Amino acid sequence: MMLARYTRAIGATVVLAMLSLLIFEAYAVWDASRRTPQILAIWLAKPQALPLSALSAEQKDILLQVEDPAFYTHKGVDVSSPGQGMTTITQGLVKFLYFDGFQPGFAKIEQSLIARFVLDQSLSKDQQLALFINHAYFGSINGREVRGLAGAAEVYSGKPFDQLTRDDYIGLIAMLIGPNEVRPDNKRIFDERVSRIKALLDGKCQPQGVFDPTYKACATRS
């Protein structure tokens, strides 16, 4: 008898917790939707150092193949494309447009819901990509954040974006997975990441499922 009551009490607590989470996340999505017009008006009005048209077809393909293979077909969230990992470009935009001090955990659920039901329905794919290439995080130098491909090109390659070689560009894309660790001055880790991306682009290997953004099968063989 006591065990049955205890089990029912635990079950009721779990249901209540799940309902509370559902209500909380529903409110978060509603609030994000309410704030979206103002957020986008501010960010779309900012000067863009790099128009999307500045990327060649190959550069655009490299970016998407590494960062978001199904970008133009998914609806903000992708849980199936090999190599995708946990964050699409749309989710990445949500992280800095809607959050201050993003912390993994329940915020990841909120991030995914906003990407799926708010941001992807509010911006075209090209608008999303234009925002991403101008505001993606490329680490910090002397306490200052490096943002966007144009800024990263100047800081890490010492060149304007339109003078980057293919290798220069791949090096920048390689950083996006974790720019405070994968960076040119951390040579071993940086070179390995670049090598794996080149192997992927050359068709020498494939990601081993959605949770393989590091391309284990592309690892350098010693």
C-alpha atoms as a PDB file:
ATOM      1  CA  MET A   1       0.000   0.000   0.000  1.00  0.00           C
ATOM      2  CA  MET A   2       2.706   2.465   1.010  1.00  0.00           C
ATOM      3  CA  LEU A   3       4.744   1.573  -2.081  1.00  0.00           C
ATOM      4  CA  ALA A   4       1.752   2.187  -4.345  1.00  0.00           C
ATOM      5  CA  ARG A   5       1.142   5.599  -2.766  1.00  0.00           C
ATOM      6  CA  TYR A   6       4.811   6.450  -3.082  1.00  0.00           C
ATOM      7  CA  THR A   7       4.829   5.436  -6.744  1.00  0.00           C
ATOM      8  CA  ARG A   8       1.703   7.504  -7.458  1.00  0.00           C
ATOM      9  CA  ALA A   9       3.221  10.507  -5.699  1.00  0.00           C
ATOM     10  CA  ILE A  10       6.393  10.274  -7.765  1.00  0.00           C
ATOM     11  CA  GLY A  11       4.359   9.883 -10.953  1.00  0.00           C
ATOM     12  CA  ALA A  12       2.269  12.936 -10.117  1.00  0.00           C
ATOM     13  CA  THR A  13       5.406  14.945  -9.367  1.00  0.00           C
ATOM     14  CA  VAL A  14       6.960  13.981 -12.701  1.00  0.00           C
ATOM     15  CA  VAL A  15       3.792  14.896 -14.608  1.00  0.00           C
ATOM     16  CA  LEU A  16       3.582  18.227 -12.786  1.00  0.00           C
ATOM     17  CA  ALA A  17       7.236  18.963 -13.559  1.00  0.00           C
ATOM     18  CA  MET A  18       6.723  18.147 -17.233  1.00  0.00           C
ATOM     19  CA  LEU A  19       3.626  20.332 -17.406  1.00  0.00           C
ATOM     20  CA  SER A  20       5.501  23.182 -15.749  1.00  0.00           C
ATOM     21  CA  LEU A  21       8.348  22.839 -18.248  1.00  0.00           C
ATOM     22  CA  LEU A  22       5.892  22.775 -21.150  1.00  0.00           C
ATOM     23  CA  ILE A  23       4.165  25.928 -19.929  1.00  0.00           C
ATOM     24  CA  PHE A  24       7.494  27.662 -19.335  1.00  0.00           C
ATOM     25  CA  GLU A  25       8.824  26.821 -22.801  1.00  0.00           C
ATOM     26  CA  ALA A  26       5.538  27.792 -24.455  1.00  0.00           C
ATOM     27  CA  TYR A  27       5.756  31.171 -22.756  1.00  0.00           C
ATOM     28  CA  ALA A  28       9.403  31.525 -23.831  1.00  0.00           C
ATOM     29  CA  VAL A  29       8.457  30.921 -27.470  1.00  0.00           C
ATOM     30  CA  TRP A  30       5.551  33.368 -27.244  1.00  0.00           C
ATOM     31  CA  ASP A  31       7.793  36.003 -25.669  1.00  0.00           C
ATOM     32  CA  ALA A  32      10.472  35.474 -28.324  1.00  0.00           C
ATOM     33  CA  SER A  33       7.846  35.854 -31.040  1.00  0.00           C
ATOM     34  CA  ARG A  34       6.638  39.081 -29.441  1.00  0.00           C
ATOM     35  CA  ARG A  35      10.159  40.511 -29.306  1.00  0.00           C
ATOM     36  CA  THR A  36      11.289  39.320 -32.734  1.00  0.00           C
ATOM     37  CA  PRO A  37      10.217  42.312 -34.878  1.00  0.00           C
ATOM     38  CA  GLN A  38      12.210  44.705 -32.696  1.00  0.00           C
ATOM     39  CA  ILE A  39      15.224  42.373 -32.451  1.00  0.00           C
ATOM     40  CA  LEU A  40      15.394  41.855 -36.203  1.00  0.00           C
ATOM     41  CA  ALA A  41      14.823  45.530 -36.977  1.00  0.00           C
ATOM     42  CA  ILE A  42      17.893  46.371 -34.890  1.00  0.00           C
ATOM     43  CA  TRP A  43      20.150  43.663 -36.290  1.00  0.00           C
ATOM     44  CA  LEU A  44      19.113  43.996 -39.927  1.00  0.00           C
ATOM     45  CA  ALA A  45      19.760  47.741 -39.736  1.00  0.00           C
ATOM     46  CA  LYS A  46      23.368  47.228 -38.637  1.00  0.00           C
ATOM     47  CA  PRO A  47      26.036  47.779 -41.313  1.00  0.00           C
ATOM     48  CA  GLN A  48      27.042  44.490 -42.908  1.00  0.00           C
ATOM     49  CA  ALA A  49      30.773  44.266 -43.557  1.00  0.00           C
ATOM     50  CA  LEU A  50      30.234  41.386 -45.965  1.00  0.00           C
ATOM     51  CA  PRO A  51      27.216  40.948 -48.252  1.00  0.00           C
ATOM     52  CA  LEU A  52      26.209  37.363 -48.902  1.00  0.00           C
ATOM     53  CA  SER A  53      27.051  37.923 -52.568  1.00  0.00           C
ATOM     54  CA  ALA A  54      30.717  38.386 -51.558  1.00  0.00           C
ATOM     55  CA  LEU A  55      30.970  34.634 -50.979  1.00  0.00           C
ATOM     56  CA  SER A  56      31.773  32.596 -54.051  1.00  0.00           C
ATOM     57  CA  ALA A  57      29.651  29.531 -54.769  1.00  0.00           C
ATOM     58  CA  GLU A  58      32.504  27.356 -53.488  1.00  0.00           C
ATOM     59  CA  GLN A  59      32.909  29.382 -50.287  1.00  0.00           C
ATOM     60  CA  LYS A  60      29.195  29.174 -49.577  1.00  0.00           C
ATOM     61  CA  ASP A  61      29.225  25.434 -50.218  1.00  0.00           C
ATOM     62  CA  ILE A  62      32.191  24.901 -47.880  1.00  0.00           C
ATOM     63  CA  LEU A  63      30.515  26.884 -45.107  1.00  0.00           C
ATOM     64  CA  LEU A  64      27.270  24.953 -45.371  1.00  0.00           C
ATOM     65  CA  GLN A  65      28.858  21.540 -45.810  1.00  0.00           C
ATOM     66  CA  VAL A  66      30.762  22.058 -42.559  1.00  0.00           C
ATOM     67  CA  GLU A  67      28.354  24.105 -40.457  1.00  0.00           C
ATOM     68  CA  ASP A  68      24.866  23.157 -41.632  1.00  0.00           C
ATOM     69  CA  PRO A  69      24.530  20.588 -44.442  1.00  0.00           C
ATOM     70  CA  ALA A  70      20.721  20.800 -44.641  1.00  0.00           C
ATOM     71  CA  PHE A  71      20.455  24.557 -44.047  1.00  0.00           C
ATOM     72  CA  TYR A  72      18.278  25.345 -47.051  1.00  0.00           C
ATOM     73  CA  THR A  73      15.871  22.468 -46.417  1.00  0.00           C
ATOM     74  CA  HIS A  74      15.461  22.193 -42.630  1.00  0.00           C
ATOM     75  CA  LYS A  75      13.147  24.388 -40.578  1.00  0.00           C
ATOM     76  CA  GLY A  76      15.626  25.727 -38.077  1.00  0.00           C
ATOM     77  CA  VAL A  77      16.538  22.463 -36.370  1.00  0.00           C
ATOM     78  CA  ASP A  78      18.263  19.404 -37.839  1.00  0.00           C
ATOM     79  CA  VAL A  79      18.606  16.156 -35.922  1.00  0.00           C
ATOM     80  CA  SER A  80      19.454  13.850 -38.801  1.00  0.00           C
ATOM     81  CA  SER A  81      22.156  15.202 -41.134  1.00  0.00           C
ATOM     82  CA  PRO A  82      25.540  13.485 -40.617  1.00  0.00           C
ATOM     83  CA  GLY A  83      28.068  15.873 -39.103  1.00  0.00           C
ATOM     84  CA  GLN A  84      25.474  18.459 -38.106  1.00  0.00           C
ATOM     85  CA  GLY A  85      26.062  18.325 -34.376  1.00  0.00           C
ATOM     86  CA  MET A  86      23.783  20.061 -31.895  1.00  0.00           C
ATOM     87  CA  THR A  87      23.515  23.528 -33.444  1.00  0.00           C
ATOM     88  CA  THR A  88      22.292  24.679 -36.850  1.00  0.00           C
ATOM     89  CA  ILE A  89      23.068  28.119 -38.242  1.00  0.00           C
ATOM     90  CA  THR A  90      19.541  29.171 -37.256  1.00  0.00           C
ATOM     91  CA  GLN A  91      20.073  27.960 -33.689  1.00  0.00           C
ATOM     92  CA  GLY A  92      23.411  29.777 -33.620  1.00  0.00           C
ATOM     93  CA  LEU A  93      21.654  33.008 -34.549  1.00  0.00           C
ATOM     94  CA  VAL A  94      19.065  32.446 -31.822  1.00  0.00           C
ATOM     95  CA  LYS A  95      21.862  32.103 -29.285  1.00  0.00           C
ATOM     96  CA  PHE A  96      23.167  35.638 -29.754  1.00  0.00           C
ATOM     97  CA  LEU A  97      19.948  37.366 -30.866  1.00  0.00           C
ATOM     98  CA  TYR A  98      17.757  36.210 -27.975  1.00  0.00           C
ATOM     99  CA  PHE A  99      20.041  35.224 -25.097  1.00  0.00           C
ATOM    100  CA  ASP A 100      22.382  37.059 -22.757  1.00  0.00           C
ATOM    101  CA  GLY A 101      24.868  34.628 -21.237  1.00  0.00           C
ATOM    102  CA  PHE A 102      23.543  31.450 -22.877  1.00  0.00           C
ATOM    103  CA  GLN A 103      24.007  28.360 -20.712  1.00  0.00           C
ATOM    104  CA  PRO A 104      23.481  24.784 -21.956  1.00  0.00           C
ATOM    105  CA  GLY A 105      20.649  22.795 -20.426  1.00  0.00           C
ATOM    106  CA  PHE A 106      17.045  23.929 -20.556  1.00  0.00           C
ATOM    107  CA  ALA A 107      18.186  26.929 -22.605  1.00  0.00           C
ATOM    108  CA  LYS A 108      19.045  24.481 -25.398  1.00  0.00           C
ATOM    109  CA  ILE A 109      15.400  23.408 -25.540  1.00  0.00           C
ATOM    110  CA  GLU A 110      14.309  27.033 -25.676  1.00  0.00           C
ATOM    111  CA  GLN A 111      16.930  27.807 -28.333  1.00  0.00           C
ATOM    112  CA  SER A 112      15.682  24.959 -30.518  1.00  0.00           C
ATOM    113  CA  LEU A 113      12.022  25.929 -30.159  1.00  0.00           C
ATOM    114  CA  ILE A 114      12.708  29.561 -31.020  1.00  0.00           C
ATOM    115  CA  ALA A 115      14.771  28.507 -34.034  1.00  0.00           C
ATOM    116  CA  ARG A 116      12.006  26.201 -35.267  1.00  0.00           C
ATOM    117  CA  PHE A 117       8.877  28.205 -34.528  1.00  0.00           C
ATOM    118  CA  VAL A 118      10.037  31.826 -34.533  1.00  0.00           C
ATOM    119  CA  LEU A 119      13.267  32.757 -36.290  1.00  0.00           C
ATOM    120  CA  ASP A 120      13.109  30.364 -39.235  1.00  0.00           C
ATOM    121  CA  GLN A 121       9.613  31.649 -39.962  1.00  0.00           C
ATOM    122  CA  SER A 122      10.671  35.291 -39.644  1.00  0.00           C
ATOM    123  CA  LEU A 123      13.788  35.421 -41.837  1.00  0.00           C
ATOM    124  CA  SER A 124      14.537  33.944 -45.237  1.00  0.00           C
ATOM    125  CA  LYS A 125      17.447  31.532 -45.423  1.00  0.00           C
ATOM    126  CA  ASP A 126      19.580  34.096 -47.239  1.00  0.00           C
ATOM    127  CA  GLN A 127      18.847  36.699 -44.555  1.00  0.00           C
ATOM    128  CA  GLN A 128      19.864  34.206 -41.889  1.00  0.00           C
ATOM    129  CA  LEU A 129      23.074  33.351 -43.694  1.00  0.00           C
ATOM    130  CA  ALA A 130      23.943  37.024 -44.206  1.00  0.00           C
ATOM    131  CA  LEU A 131      23.541  37.651 -40.477  1.00  0.00           C
ATOM    132  CA  PHE A 132      25.619  34.594 -39.674  1.00  0.00           C
ATOM    133  CA  ILE A 133      28.612  35.466 -41.857  1.00  0.00           C
ATOM    134  CA  ASN A 134      28.702  38.959 -40.369  1.00  0.00           C
ATOM    135  CA  HIS A 135      28.213  38.090 -36.703  1.00  0.00           C
ATOM    136  CA  ALA A 136      29.560  34.553 -36.192  1.00  0.00           C
ATOM    137  CA  TYR A 137      31.913  34.336 -33.217  1.00  0.00           C
ATOM    138  CA  PHE A 138      35.614  33.845 -33.981  1.00  0.00           C
ATOM    139  CA  GLY A 139      37.079  34.020 -30.502  1.00  0.00           C
ATOM    140  CA  SER A 140      38.619  36.881 -28.564  1.00  0.00           C
ATOM    141  CA  ILE A 141      41.880  38.747 -29.036  1.00  0.00           C
ATOM    142  CA  ASN A 142      43.151  40.826 -26.113  1.00  0.00           C
ATOM    143  CA  GLY A 143      39.725  40.694 -24.518  1.00  0.00           C
ATOM    144  CA  ARG A 144      37.855  41.831 -27.632  1.00  0.00           C
ATOM    145  CA  GLU A 145      35.497  39.563 -29.541  1.00  0.00           C
ATOM    146  CA  VAL A 146      36.180  38.871 -33.200  1.00  0.00           C
ATOM    147  CA  ARG A 147      32.906  38.728 -35.113  1.00  0.00           C
ATOM    148  CA  GLY A 148      32.127  37.864 -38.715  1.00  0.00           C
ATOM    149  CA  LEU A 149      34.139  36.456 -41.594  1.00  0.00           C
ATOM    150  CA  ALA A 150      35.456  39.851 -42.678  1.00  0.00           C
ATOM    151  CA  GLY A 151      36.777  40.670 -39.219  1.00  0.00           C
ATOM    152  CA  ALA A 152      38.223  37.191 -38.786  1.00  0.00           C
ATOM    153  CA  ALA A 153      40.006  37.439 -42.142  1.00  0.00           C
ATOM    154  CA  GLU A 154      41.746  40.640 -41.074  1.00  0.00           C
ATOM    155  CA  VAL A 155      42.660  39.367 -37.605  1.00  0.00           C
ATOM    156  CA  TYR A 156      43.790  35.823 -38.373  1.00  0.00           C
ATOM    157  CA  SER A 157      45.001  36.076 -41.983  1.00  0.00           C
ATOM    158  CA  GLY A 158      46.014  39.719 -42.156  1.00  0.00           C
ATOM    159  CA  LYS A 159      44.047  40.105 -45.392  1.00  0.00           C
ATOM    160  CA  PRO A 160      40.750  41.554 -46.536  1.00  0.00           C
ATOM    161  CA  PHE A 161      38.163  38.855 -47.158  1.00  0.00           C
ATOM    162  CA  ASP A 162      38.302  39.131 -50.945  1.00  0.00           C
ATOM    163  CA  GLN A 163      42.014  38.282 -50.910  1.00  0.00           C
ATOM    164  CA  LEU A 164      41.719  35.042 -48.946  1.00  0.00           C
ATOM    165  CA  THR A 165      43.035  31.881 -50.545  1.00  0.00           C
ATOM    166  CA  ARG A 166      40.994  28.696 -50.376  1.00  0.00           C
ATOM    167  CA  ASP A 167      43.233  27.466 -47.552  1.00  0.00           C
ATOM    168  CA  ASP A 168      42.802  30.758 -45.668  1.00  0.00           C
ATOM    169  CA  TYR A 169      39.047  30.468 -45.942  1.00  0.00           C
ATOM    170  CA  ILE A 170      38.934  26.837 -44.830  1.00  0.00           C
ATOM    171  CA  GLY A 171      41.032  27.852 -41.834  1.00  0.00           C
ATOM    172  CA  LEU A 172      38.383  30.370 -40.795  1.00  0.00           C
ATOM    173  CA  ILE A 173      35.558  27.879 -41.240  1.00  0.00           C
ATOM    174  CA  ALA A 174      37.562  25.369 -39.188  1.00  0.00           C
ATOM    175  CA  MET A 175      37.499  27.782 -36.246  1.00  0.00           C
ATOM    176  CA  LEU A 176      33.719  27.969 -36.004  1.00  0.00           C
ATOM    177  CA  ILE A 177      33.417  24.720 -34.044  1.00  0.00           C
ATOM    178  CA  GLY A 178      35.246  26.285 -31.081  1.00  0.00           C
ATOM    179  CA  PRO A 179      37.261  29.421 -31.882  1.00  0.00           C
ATOM    180  CA  ASN A 180      38.833  29.820 -28.461  1.00  0.00           C
ATOM    181  CA  GLU A 181      40.519  26.448 -28.915  1.00  0.00           C
ATOM    182  CA  VAL A 182      40.597  25.833 -32.670  1.00  0.00           C
ATOM    183  CA  ARG A 183      42.701  28.801 -33.747  1.00  0.00           C
ATOM    184  CA  PRO A 184      45.907  29.311 -35.738  1.00  0.00           C
ATOM    185  CA  ASP A 185      48.099  29.854 -32.675  1.00  0.00           C
ATOM    186  CA  ASN A 186      46.968  26.475 -31.297  1.00  0.00           C
ATOM    187  CA  LYS A 187      48.697  24.792 -34.196  1.00  0.00           C
ATOM    188  CA  ARG A 188      48.203  21.081 -33.515  1.00  0.00           C
ATOM    189  CA  ILE A 189      44.465  21.308 -32.911  1.00  0.00           C
ATOM    190  CA  PHE A 190      43.935  23.865 -35.679  1.00  0.00           C
ATOM    191  CA  ASP A 191      45.893  21.906 -38.290  1.00  0.00           C
ATOM    192  CA  GLU A 192      44.047  18.689 -37.437  1.00  0.00           C
ATOM    193  CA  ARG A 193      40.659  20.386 -37.819  1.00  0.00           C
ATOM    194  CA  VAL A 194      41.678  21.907 -41.160  1.00  0.00           C
ATOM    195  CA  SER A 195      42.995  18.545 -42.360  1.00  0.00           C
ATOM    196  CA  ARG A 196      39.737  16.787 -41.474  1.00  0.00           C
ATOM    197  CA  ILE A 197      37.646  19.408 -43.253  1.00  0.00           C
ATOM    198  CA  LYS A 198      39.766  19.132 -46.394  1.00  0.00           C
ATOM    199  CA  ALA A 199      39.396  15.350 -46.335  1.00  0.00           C
ATOM    200  CA  LEU A 200      35.629  15.767 -45.993  1.00  0.00           C
ATOM    201  CA  LEU A 201      35.455  18.257 -48.865  1.00  0.00           C
ATOM    202  CA  ASP A 202      37.551  15.953 -51.050  1.00  0.00           C
ATOM    203  CA  GLY A 203      35.149  13.089 -50.394  1.00  0.00           C
ATOM    204  CA  LYS A 204      37.766  10.958 -48.628  1.00  0.00           C
ATOM    205  CA  CYS A 205      35.617  10.405 -45.544  1.00  0.00           C
ATOM    206  CA  GLN A 206      32.148  11.022 -44.158  1.00  0.00           C
ATOM    207  CA  PRO A 207      30.777  12.006 -40.734  1.00  0.00           C
ATOM    208  CA  GLN A 208      29.715   9.063 -38.589  1.00  0.00           C
ATOM    209  CA  GLY A 209      26.236  10.309 -37.787  1.00  0.00           C
ATOM    210  CA  VAL A 210      24.640  13.546 -36.671  1.00  0.00           C
ATOM    211  CA  PHE A 211      26.716  13.783 -33.485  1.00  0.00           C
ATOM    212  CA  ASP A 212      30.063  13.668 -35.302  1.00  0.00           C
ATOM    213  CA  PRO A 213      30.847  17.308 -36.152  1.00  0.00           C
ATOM    214  CA  THR A 214      34.562  16.597 -35.600  1.00  0.00           C
ATOM    215  CA  TYR A 215      34.639  14.009 -38.427  1.00  0.00           C
ATOM    216  CA  LYS A 216      36.361  11.160 -36.599  1.00  0.00           C
ATOM    217  CA  ALA A 217      36.739   9.130 -39.787  1.00  0.00           C
ATOM    218  CA  CYS A 218      38.705  12.018 -41.309  1.00  0.00           C
ATOM    219  CA  ALA A 219      41.348  11.998 -38.570  1.00  0.00           C
ATOM    220  CA  THR A 220      44.961  12.235 -39.662  1.00  0.00           C
ATOM    221  CA  ARG A 221      46.548   8.809 -39.693  1.00  0.00           C
ATOM    222  CA  SER A 222      50.085   8.732 -38.315  1.00  0.00           C
END
